[in-house]
C-alpha atoms as a PDB file:
ATOM      1  CA  MET A   1      -5.859 189.897  46.028  1.00  0.00           C
ATOM      2  CA  ILE A   2      -3.663 188.182  48.612  1.00  0.00           C
ATOM      3  CA  VAL A   3      -5.333 185.588  50.838  1.00  0.00           C
ATOM      4  CA  LEU A   4      -3.626 183.900  53.802  1.00  0.00           C
ATOM      5  CA  SER A   5      -5.320 180.566  54.380  1.00  0.00           C
ATOM      6  CA  ASP A   6      -4.203 180.477  58.029  1.00  0.00           C
ATOM      7  CA  TYR A   7      -6.260 183.664  58.625  1.00  0.00           C
ATOM      8  CA  GLY A   8      -3.141 185.635  59.514  1.00  0.00           C
ATOM      9  CA  LEU A   9      -3.072 189.400  59.061  1.00  0.00           C
ATOM     10  CA  LYS A  10      -1.595 190.667  55.825  1.00  0.00           C
ATOM     11  CA  PRO A  11       1.207 193.208  56.299  1.00  0.00           C
ATOM     12  CA  ALA A  12       0.543 196.787  55.195  1.00  0.00           C
ATOM     13  CA  VAL A  13       2.059 197.754  51.848  1.00  0.00           C
ATOM     14  CA  GLY A  14       4.106 200.413  53.657  1.00  0.00           C
ATOM     15  CA  ARG A  15       6.183 197.601  55.151  1.00  0.00           C
ATOM     16  CA  PHE A  16       7.754 196.945  51.734  1.00  0.00           C
ATOM     17  CA  GLN A  17      10.128 198.897  49.541  1.00  0.00           C
ATOM     18  CA  GLY A  18      11.446 198.743  45.970  1.00  0.00           C
ATOM     19  CA  ILE A  19      10.762 195.643  43.903  1.00  0.00           C
ATOM     20  CA  LYS A  20       9.015 193.829  46.771  1.00  0.00           C
ATOM     21  CA  ARG A  21       6.556 196.715  47.114  1.00  0.00           C
ATOM     22  CA  GLU A  22       5.702 196.563  43.411  1.00  0.00           C
ATOM     23  CA  ILE A  23       5.220 192.778  43.555  1.00  0.00           C
ATOM     24  CA  TYR A  24       3.063 193.047  46.687  1.00  0.00           C
ATOM     25  CA  LEU A  25       0.850 195.702  45.096  1.00  0.00           C
ATOM     26  CA  ALA A  26       0.456 193.613  41.928  1.00  0.00           C
ATOM     27  CA  LEU A  27      -0.640 190.606  43.992  1.00  0.00           C
ATOM     28  CA  GLU A  28      -2.967 192.610  46.221  1.00  0.00           C
ATOM     29  CA  ASN A  29      -4.562 194.533  43.337  1.00  0.00           C
ATOM     30  CA  SER A  30      -4.981 191.428  41.178  1.00  0.00           C
ATOM     31  CA  PRO A  31      -8.593 190.479  40.324  1.00  0.00           C
ATOM     32  CA  LEU A  32      -7.680 186.876  41.143  1.00  0.00           C
ATOM     33  CA  GLN A  33      -7.030 185.371  44.572  1.00  0.00           C
ATOM     34  CA  HIS A  34      -3.395 184.571  45.333  1.00  0.00           C
ATOM     35  CA  MET A  35      -3.494 181.978  48.112  1.00  0.00           C
ATOM     36  CA  TYR A  36      -0.690 181.510  50.628  1.00  0.00           C
ATOM     37  CA  GLY A  37      -0.607 179.041  53.497  1.00  0.00           C
ATOM     38  CA  SER A  38       1.167 181.462  55.824  1.00  0.00           C
ATOM     39  CA  LEU A  39       2.857 184.848  56.036  1.00  0.00           C
ATOM     40  CA  HIS A  40       6.200 183.065  55.659  1.00  0.00           C
ATOM     41  CA  GLU A  41       5.074 181.597  52.342  1.00  0.00           C
ATOM     42  CA  LEU A  42       3.949 185.016  51.088  1.00  0.00           C
ATOM     43  CA  LEU A  43       7.225 186.666  52.120  1.00  0.00           C
ATOM     44  CA  PHE A  44       9.179 183.866  50.458  1.00  0.00           C
ATOM     45  CA  ASP A  45       7.254 184.398  47.221  1.00  0.00           C
ATOM     46  CA  LEU A  46       8.087 188.116  47.322  1.00  0.00           C
ATOM     47  CA  GLN A  47      11.778 187.313  47.912  1.00  0.00           C
ATOM     48  CA  LEU A  48      11.875 184.658  45.196  1.00  0.00           C
ATOM     49  CA  ARG A  49      10.198 186.929  42.645  1.00  0.00           C
ATOM     50  CA  GLU A  50      12.599 189.743  43.510  1.00  0.00           C
ATOM     51  CA  ASN A  51      15.517 187.344  42.977  1.00  0.00           C
ATOM     52  CA  ILE A  52      14.077 186.194  39.624  1.00  0.00           C
ATOM     53  CA  ILE A  53      13.933 189.821  38.460  1.00  0.00           C
ATOM     54  CA  ARG A  54      17.416 190.637  39.768  1.00  0.00           C
ATOM     55  CA  THR A  55      18.852 187.496  38.145  1.00  0.00           C
ATOM     56  CA  ALA A  56      17.223 188.305  34.806  1.00  0.00           C
ATOM     57  CA  ARG A  57      18.883 191.724  34.888  1.00  0.00           C
ATOM     58  CA  LYS A  58      22.229 190.123  35.808  1.00  0.00           C
ATOM     59  CA  LEU A  59      21.978 187.802  32.818  1.00  0.00           C
ATOM     60  CA  HIS A  60      21.138 190.775  30.605  1.00  0.00           C
ATOM     61  CA  GLU A  61      24.291 192.555  31.815  1.00  0.00           C
ATOM     62  CA  SER A  62      26.489 189.450  31.459  1.00  0.00           C
ATOM     63  CA  ASP A  63      28.615 188.222  28.555  1.00  0.00           C
ATOM     64  CA  VAL A  64      26.464 185.132  27.938  1.00  0.00           C
ATOM     65  CA  ALA A  65      25.863 184.846  24.181  1.00  0.00           C
ATOM     66  CA  PHE A  66      22.707 183.729  22.385  1.00  0.00           C
ATOM     67  CA  ALA A  67      23.020 180.453  20.465  1.00  0.00           C
ATOM     68  CA  PRO A  68      21.008 177.404  19.341  1.00  0.00           C
ATOM     69  CA  PHE A  69      22.132 174.011  20.618  1.00  0.00           C
ATOM     70  CA  GLN A  70      24.411 173.334  17.644  1.00  0.00           C
ATOM     71  CA  THR A  71      26.662 176.315  18.431  1.00  0.00           C
ATOM     72  CA  SER A  72      25.993 176.556  22.163  1.00  0.00           C
ATOM     73  CA  LYS A  73      28.658 176.295  24.842  1.00  0.00           C
ATOM     74  CA  PHE A  74      28.936 175.752  28.596  1.00  0.00           C
ATOM     75  CA  ASN A  75      32.127 175.879  30.657  1.00  0.00           C
ATOM     76  CA  PRO A  76      33.675 172.446  29.832  1.00  0.00           C
ATOM     77  CA  GLU A  77      35.326 172.271  33.256  1.00  0.00           C
ATOM     78  CA  ILE A  78      31.874 172.087  34.827  1.00  0.00           C
ATOM     79  CA  TRP A  79      29.449 170.767  32.200  1.00  0.00           C
ATOM     80  CA  LYS A  80      29.508 167.953  29.635  1.00  0.00           C
ATOM     81  CA  LYS A  81      27.574 168.313  26.386  1.00  0.00           C
ATOM     82  CA  ILE A  82      25.387 165.282  25.675  1.00  0.00           C
ATOM     83  CA  LYS A  83      22.507 164.575  23.274  1.00  0.00           C
ATOM     84  CA  TYR A  84      19.847 166.230  25.443  1.00  0.00           C
ATOM     85  CA  GLY A  85      21.754 169.160  26.935  1.00  0.00           C
ATOM     86  CA  TYR A  86      24.575 169.936  29.344  1.00  0.00           C
ATOM     87  CA  LEU A  87      25.137 167.522  32.219  1.00  0.00           C
ATOM     88  CA  LEU A  88      26.773 168.659  35.436  1.00  0.00           C
ATOM     89  CA  ASN A  89      30.172 167.186  36.257  1.00  0.00           C
ATOM     90  CA  PRO A  90      29.506 165.019  39.353  1.00  0.00           C
ATOM     91  CA  SER A  91      32.571 166.463  41.101  1.00  0.00           C
ATOM     92  CA  VAL A  92      31.089 169.983  41.003  1.00  0.00           C
ATOM     93  CA  LEU A  93      28.488 171.274  43.446  1.00  0.00           C
ATOM     94  CA  PRO A  94      25.255 172.391  41.759  1.00  0.00           C
ATOM     95  CA  SER A  95      25.470 175.761  43.524  1.00  0.00           C
ATOM     96  CA  ASP A  96      28.982 176.367  42.161  1.00  0.00           C
ATOM     97  CA  ALA A  97      27.873 175.354  38.662  1.00  0.00           C
ATOM     98  CA  ILE A  98      24.942 177.790  38.599  1.00  0.00           C
ATOM     99  CA  ASN A  99      27.047 180.620  40.020  1.00  0.00           C
ATOM    100  CA  ASP A 100      29.740 179.966  37.397  1.00  0.00           C
ATOM    101  CA  ILE A 101      27.306 180.937  34.631  1.00  0.00           C
ATOM    102  CA  PHE A 102      27.284 184.456  36.044  1.00  0.00           C
ATOM    103  CA  ILE A 103      30.937 184.570  37.135  1.00  0.00           C
ATOM    104  CA  ASN A 104      32.444 183.224  33.894  1.00  0.00           C
ATOM    105  CA  SER A 105      29.626 184.284  31.594  1.00  0.00           C
ATOM    106  CA  ASN A 106      31.867 184.493  28.511  1.00  0.00           C
ATOM    107  CA  GLU A 107      32.130 180.680  28.680  1.00  0.00           C
ATOM    108  CA  TYR A 108      28.403 180.283  27.953  1.00  0.00           C
ATOM    109  CA  ALA A 109      26.058 180.563  24.973  1.00  0.00           C
ATOM    110  CA  PHE A 110      22.452 179.325  24.958  1.00  0.00           C
ATOM    111  CA  GLU A 111      18.912 180.239  23.864  1.00  0.00           C
ATOM    112  CA  CYS A 112      15.970 181.834  25.666  1.00  0.00           C
ATOM    113  CA  SER A 113      14.233 178.811  27.231  1.00  0.00           C
ATOM    114  CA  THR A 114      17.529 177.608  28.716  1.00  0.00           C
ATOM    115  CA  ALA A 115      18.050 181.145  30.011  1.00  0.00           C
ATOM    116  CA  ILE A 116      14.734 181.012  31.872  1.00  0.00           C
ATOM    117  CA  VAL A 117      15.581 177.710  33.588  1.00  0.00           C
ATOM    118  CA  ILE A 118      19.004 179.070  34.582  1.00  0.00           C
ATOM    119  CA  ILE A 119      17.395 182.254  35.942  1.00  0.00           C
ATOM    120  CA  TYR A 120      15.055 180.075  37.991  1.00  0.00           C
ATOM    121  CA  TYR A 121      17.912 177.973  39.396  1.00  0.00           C
ATOM    122  CA  LYS A 122      19.946 181.050  40.325  1.00  0.00           C
ATOM    123  CA  ALA A 123      16.957 182.794  41.928  1.00  0.00           C
ATOM    124  CA  VAL A 124      16.160 179.685  43.975  1.00  0.00           C
ATOM    125  CA  LEU A 125      19.826 179.367  44.987  1.00  0.00           C
ATOM    126  CA  ASP A 126      19.722 182.958  46.256  1.00  0.00           C
ATOM    127  CA  SER A 127      16.495 182.261  48.148  1.00  0.00           C
ATOM    128  CA  ILE A 128      17.104 178.953  49.931  1.00  0.00           C
ATOM    129  CA  SER A 129      19.867 177.328  51.953  1.00  0.00           C
ATOM    130  CA  THR A 130      22.871 176.374  49.798  1.00  0.00           C
ATOM    131  CA  SER A 131      23.023 172.942  51.416  1.00  0.00           C
ATOM    132  CA  TYR A 132      19.377 172.304  50.542  1.00  0.00           C
ATOM    133  CA  PHE A 133      19.983 173.521  46.982  1.00  0.00           C
ATOM    134  CA  ASN A 134      22.856 171.071  46.532  1.00  0.00           C
ATOM    135  CA  THR A 135      20.725 168.258  47.914  1.00  0.00           C
ATOM    136  CA  LEU A 136      17.669 169.037  45.801  1.00  0.00           C
ATOM    137  CA  PHE A 137      19.435 169.654  42.497  1.00  0.00           C
ATOM    138  CA  GLN A 138      22.112 166.993  42.136  1.00  0.00           C
ATOM    139  CA  ARG A 139      23.173 165.871  38.642  1.00  0.00           C
ATOM    140  CA  LEU A 140      21.681 168.843  36.819  1.00  0.00           C
ATOM    141  CA  LEU A 141      20.848 168.511  33.126  1.00  0.00           C
ATOM    142  CA  VAL A 142      20.329 171.887  31.503  1.00  0.00           C
ATOM    143  CA  TRP A 143      18.991 172.785  28.078  1.00  0.00           C
ATOM    144  CA  ASP A 144      15.677 174.062  26.788  1.00  0.00           C
ATOM    145  CA  TRP A 145      12.946 173.100  29.292  1.00  0.00           C
ATOM    146  CA  ASN A 146      14.903 170.270  30.938  1.00  0.00           C
ATOM    147  CA  TYR A 147      14.765 170.926  34.672  1.00  0.00           C
ATOM    148  CA  ASP A 148      14.715 169.079  37.981  1.00  0.00           C
ATOM    149  CA  ARG A 149      11.216 168.309  39.268  1.00  0.00           C
ATOM    150  CA  ASP A 150      12.079 170.016  42.575  1.00  0.00           C
ATOM    151  CA  LEU A 151      12.136 173.324  40.706  1.00  0.00           C
ATOM    152  CA  GLY A 152       8.365 172.907  40.379  1.00  0.00           C
ATOM    153  CA  ILE A 153       7.528 175.118  37.389  1.00  0.00           C
ATOM    154  CA  ILE A 154       3.759 175.629  37.159  1.00  0.00           C
ATOM    155  CA  THR A 155       2.298 177.003  33.919  1.00  0.00           C
ATOM    156  CA  THR A 156      -1.230 178.403  33.892  1.00  0.00           C
ATOM    157  CA  VAL A 157      -3.507 180.021  31.319  1.00  0.00           C
ATOM    158  CA  GLY A 158      -4.305 183.678  32.018  1.00  0.00           C
ATOM    159  CA  ARG A 159      -3.049 187.255  31.705  1.00  0.00           C
ATOM    160  CA  ASP A 160      -2.773 188.082  35.402  1.00  0.00           C
ATOM    161  CA  PHE A 161       0.952 188.780  35.089  1.00  0.00           C
ATOM    162  CA  ILE A 162       2.814 189.481  38.337  1.00  0.00           C
ATOM    163  CA  PRO A 163       6.434 190.770  38.322  1.00  0.00           C
ATOM    164  CA  GLY A 164       8.671 187.696  38.353  1.00  0.00           C
ATOM    165  CA  ASP A 165       6.348 185.667  36.114  1.00  0.00           C
ATOM    166  CA  VAL A 166       7.676 184.062  32.944  1.00  0.00           C
ATOM    167  CA  VAL A 167       5.578 184.816  29.851  1.00  0.00           C
ATOM    168  CA  TYR A 168       5.885 183.909  26.172  1.00  0.00           C
ATOM    169  CA  PHE A 169       5.805 185.965  23.000  1.00  0.00           C
ATOM    170  CA  TYR A 170       4.835 183.642  20.145  1.00  0.00           C
ATOM    171  CA  ASN A 171       6.157 184.250  16.622  1.00  0.00           C
ATOM    172  CA  PRO A 172       4.009 182.108  14.256  1.00  0.00           C
ATOM    173  CA  ASP A 173       5.748 183.189  11.028  1.00  0.00           C
ATOM    174  CA  TYR A 174       9.300 182.643  12.314  1.00  0.00           C
ATOM    175  CA  ASP A 175      12.200 182.324   9.892  1.00  0.00           C
ATOM    176  CA  HIS A 176      14.592 180.151  11.967  1.00  0.00           C
ATOM    177  CA  PRO A 177      13.097 177.680  14.518  1.00  0.00           C
ATOM    178  CA  VAL A 178      15.097 179.273  17.338  1.00  0.00           C
ATOM    179  CA  TRP A 179      12.860 182.331  16.874  1.00  0.00           C
ATOM    180  CA  THR A 180       9.540 180.481  17.219  1.00  0.00           C
ATOM    181  CA  GLY A 181       9.051 182.844  20.123  1.00  0.00           C
ATOM    182  CA  GLU A 182      10.725 184.483  23.099  1.00  0.00           C
ATOM    183  CA  ASN A 183      10.501 183.290  26.701  1.00  0.00           C
ATOM    184  CA  THR A 184      10.693 186.331  28.936  1.00  0.00           C
ATOM    185  CA  VAL A 185      10.689 187.385  32.584  1.00  0.00           C
ATOM    186  CA  TYR A 186       8.151 190.088  33.380  1.00  0.00           C
ATOM    187  CA  LEU A 187      10.223 192.674  35.250  1.00  0.00           C
ATOM    188  CA  GLY A 188       7.334 194.937  36.200  1.00  0.00           C
ATOM    189  CA  ASN A 189       6.588 198.468  34.958  1.00  0.00           C
ATOM    190  CA  GLY A 190       5.694 197.078  31.545  1.00  0.00           C
ATOM    191  CA  LEU A 191       9.184 195.686  30.872  1.00  0.00           C
ATOM    192  CA  TYR A 192      10.254 192.169  29.875  1.00  0.00           C
ATOM    193  CA  PHE A 193      13.637 190.457  29.609  1.00  0.00           C
ATOM    194  CA  GLY A 194      14.238 187.830  26.956  1.00  0.00           C
ATOM    195  CA  HIS A 195      17.696 186.412  26.302  1.00  0.00           C
ATOM    196  CA  GLY A 196      18.638 187.211  22.714  1.00  0.00           C
ATOM    197  CA  ILE A 197      16.502 190.342  22.507  1.00  0.00           C
ATOM    198  CA  GLY A 198      17.139 192.079  25.813  1.00  0.00           C
ATOM    199  CA  ILE A 199      14.899 194.277  27.956  1.00  0.00           C
ATOM    200  CA  GLU A 200      11.902 195.677  26.092  1.00  0.00           C
ATOM    201  CA  THR A 201       8.275 196.653  26.458  1.00  0.00           C
ATOM    202  CA  ALA A 202       5.710 194.189  25.065  1.00  0.00           C
ATOM    203  CA  GLU A 203       5.567 196.305  21.922  1.00  0.00           C
ATOM    204  CA  GLY A 204       9.361 196.225  21.679  1.00  0.00           C
ATOM    205  CA  MET A 205       9.444 192.435  22.001  1.00  0.00           C
ATOM    206  CA  ILE A 206       6.837 192.053  19.278  1.00  0.00           C
ATOM    207  CA  LYS A 207       8.656 194.509  17.010  1.00  0.00           C
ATOM    208  CA  ALA A 208      11.945 192.617  17.474  1.00  0.00           C
ATOM    209  CA  LEU A 209      10.351 189.237  16.759  1.00  0.00           C
ATOM    210  CA  ASN A 210       8.641 190.642  13.677  1.00  0.00           C
ATOM    211  CA  THR A 211      12.097 191.316  12.203  1.00  0.00           C
ATOM    212  CA  LEU A 212      12.856 187.590  12.594  1.00  0.00           C
ATOM    213  CA  ARG A 213       9.982 186.278  10.469  1.00  0.00           C
ATOM    214  CA  LYS A 214      10.147 184.465   7.153  1.00  0.00           C
ATOM    215  CA  GLU A 215       9.894 186.354   3.880  1.00  0.00           C
ATOM    216  CA  ASN A 216       6.376 187.604   3.083  1.00  0.00           C
ATOM    217  CA  ALA A 217       5.184 186.862   6.621  1.00  0.00           C
ATOM    218  CA  THR A 218       1.626 187.929   7.380  1.00  0.00           C
ATOM    219  CA  GLN A 219       1.178 187.085  11.082  1.00  0.00           C
ATOM    220  CA  SER A 220       2.592 189.318  13.779  1.00  0.00           C
ATOM    221  CA  ALA A 221       4.210 187.972  16.923  1.00  0.00           C
ATOM    222  CA  TYR A 222       2.053 188.346  20.050  1.00  0.00           C
ATOM    223  CA  LEU A 223       2.036 187.802  23.806  1.00  0.00           C
ATOM    224  CA  ILE A 224       0.087 184.664  24.686  1.00  0.00           C
ATOM    225  CA  SER A 225      -2.289 184.333  27.648  1.00  0.00           C
ATOM    226  CA  GLN A 226      -0.060 182.134  29.794  1.00  0.00           C
ATOM    227  CA  HIS A 227       2.360 182.526  32.681  1.00  0.00           C
ATOM    228  CA  SER A 228       4.812 180.262  34.520  1.00  0.00           C
ATOM    229  CA  ARG A 229       5.648 180.391  38.224  1.00  0.00           C
ATOM    230  CA  LEU A 230       7.660 178.319  40.682  1.00  0.00           C
ATOM    231  CA  ASN A 231       6.104 176.181  43.412  1.00  0.00           C
ATOM    232  CA  THR A 232       6.421 178.667  46.251  1.00  0.00           C
ATOM    233  CA  LYS A 233       4.631 176.463  48.770  1.00  0.00           C
ATOM    234  CA  TYR A 234       7.156 173.655  48.270  1.00  0.00           C
ATOM    235  CA  LEU A 235      10.313 175.759  48.027  1.00  0.00           C
ATOM    236  CA  SER A 236       9.494 178.028  50.989  1.00  0.00           C
ATOM    237  CA  GLN A 237      10.260 175.236  53.454  1.00  0.00           C
ATOM    238  CA  PHE A 238      13.939 175.501  52.425  1.00  0.00           C
ATOM    239  CA  ALA A 239      14.240 179.282  52.950  1.00  0.00           C
ATOM    240  CA  LYS A 240      17.593 180.556  54.182  1.00  0.00           C
ATOM    241  CA  GLN A 241      16.068 182.200  57.235  1.00  0.00           C
ATOM    242  CA  THR A 242      12.824 183.191  58.905  1.00  0.00           C
ATOM    243  CA  LEU A 243      11.439 185.978  56.754  1.00  0.00           C
ATOM    244  CA  ARG A 244      10.112 189.183  58.273  1.00  0.00           C
ATOM    245  CA  VAL A 245       8.640 192.453  57.088  1.00  0.00           C
ATOM    246  CA  LEU A 246      10.119 195.858  57.870  1.00  0.00           C
ATOM    247  CA  ASN A 247       9.311 197.293  61.295  1.00  0.00           C
END
């Protein structure tokens, strides 16, 4: 359930529509307490989660290819490939660099964990002031789970999945190391997006990963009891505007 620690009144579910309504219901109907310091913080979390889901769908619809680091690519006008990932050109604004991934998507190829970090950056960019984003995320280094500490990814054990969470399907009998598992965004309604596989149900994700196992594999892929979320409390102070519910 949702708890406001400042003892403010929670808005009625009828004040929300679409994706926000589904997220709100998932939080409110959860057996666990979801604590927010204020109504603003709650509304920011709803907006951020909606943007994570929308961004995941945008990446799914884009021309970004799936590739391990050896054959990966990022727009060379914006990013420089180094030993640990892709480093932002210092003459390019971080906001422009993240947007370029979706504008010139055919210039990019990366794997699923990098996709999650990029989805997070884009969702945050769409949720906070652009000037704050460019201040917080200077000199980006992107690949795998490399990310700026201001992104504030928090990973917790549990199966209380809320739309916008990132969850992991583990593939213990993988054939190629790039298919050790699939990092996915939970889109709600039982659907998940994982770069390289696409949008599937949990069963569909497991079935796809099971085709990527070594010969004579005996262990099925499975969804682990873990979820990752962004630090809403920290990021909400940089929101683009004062957030309100529908009248």
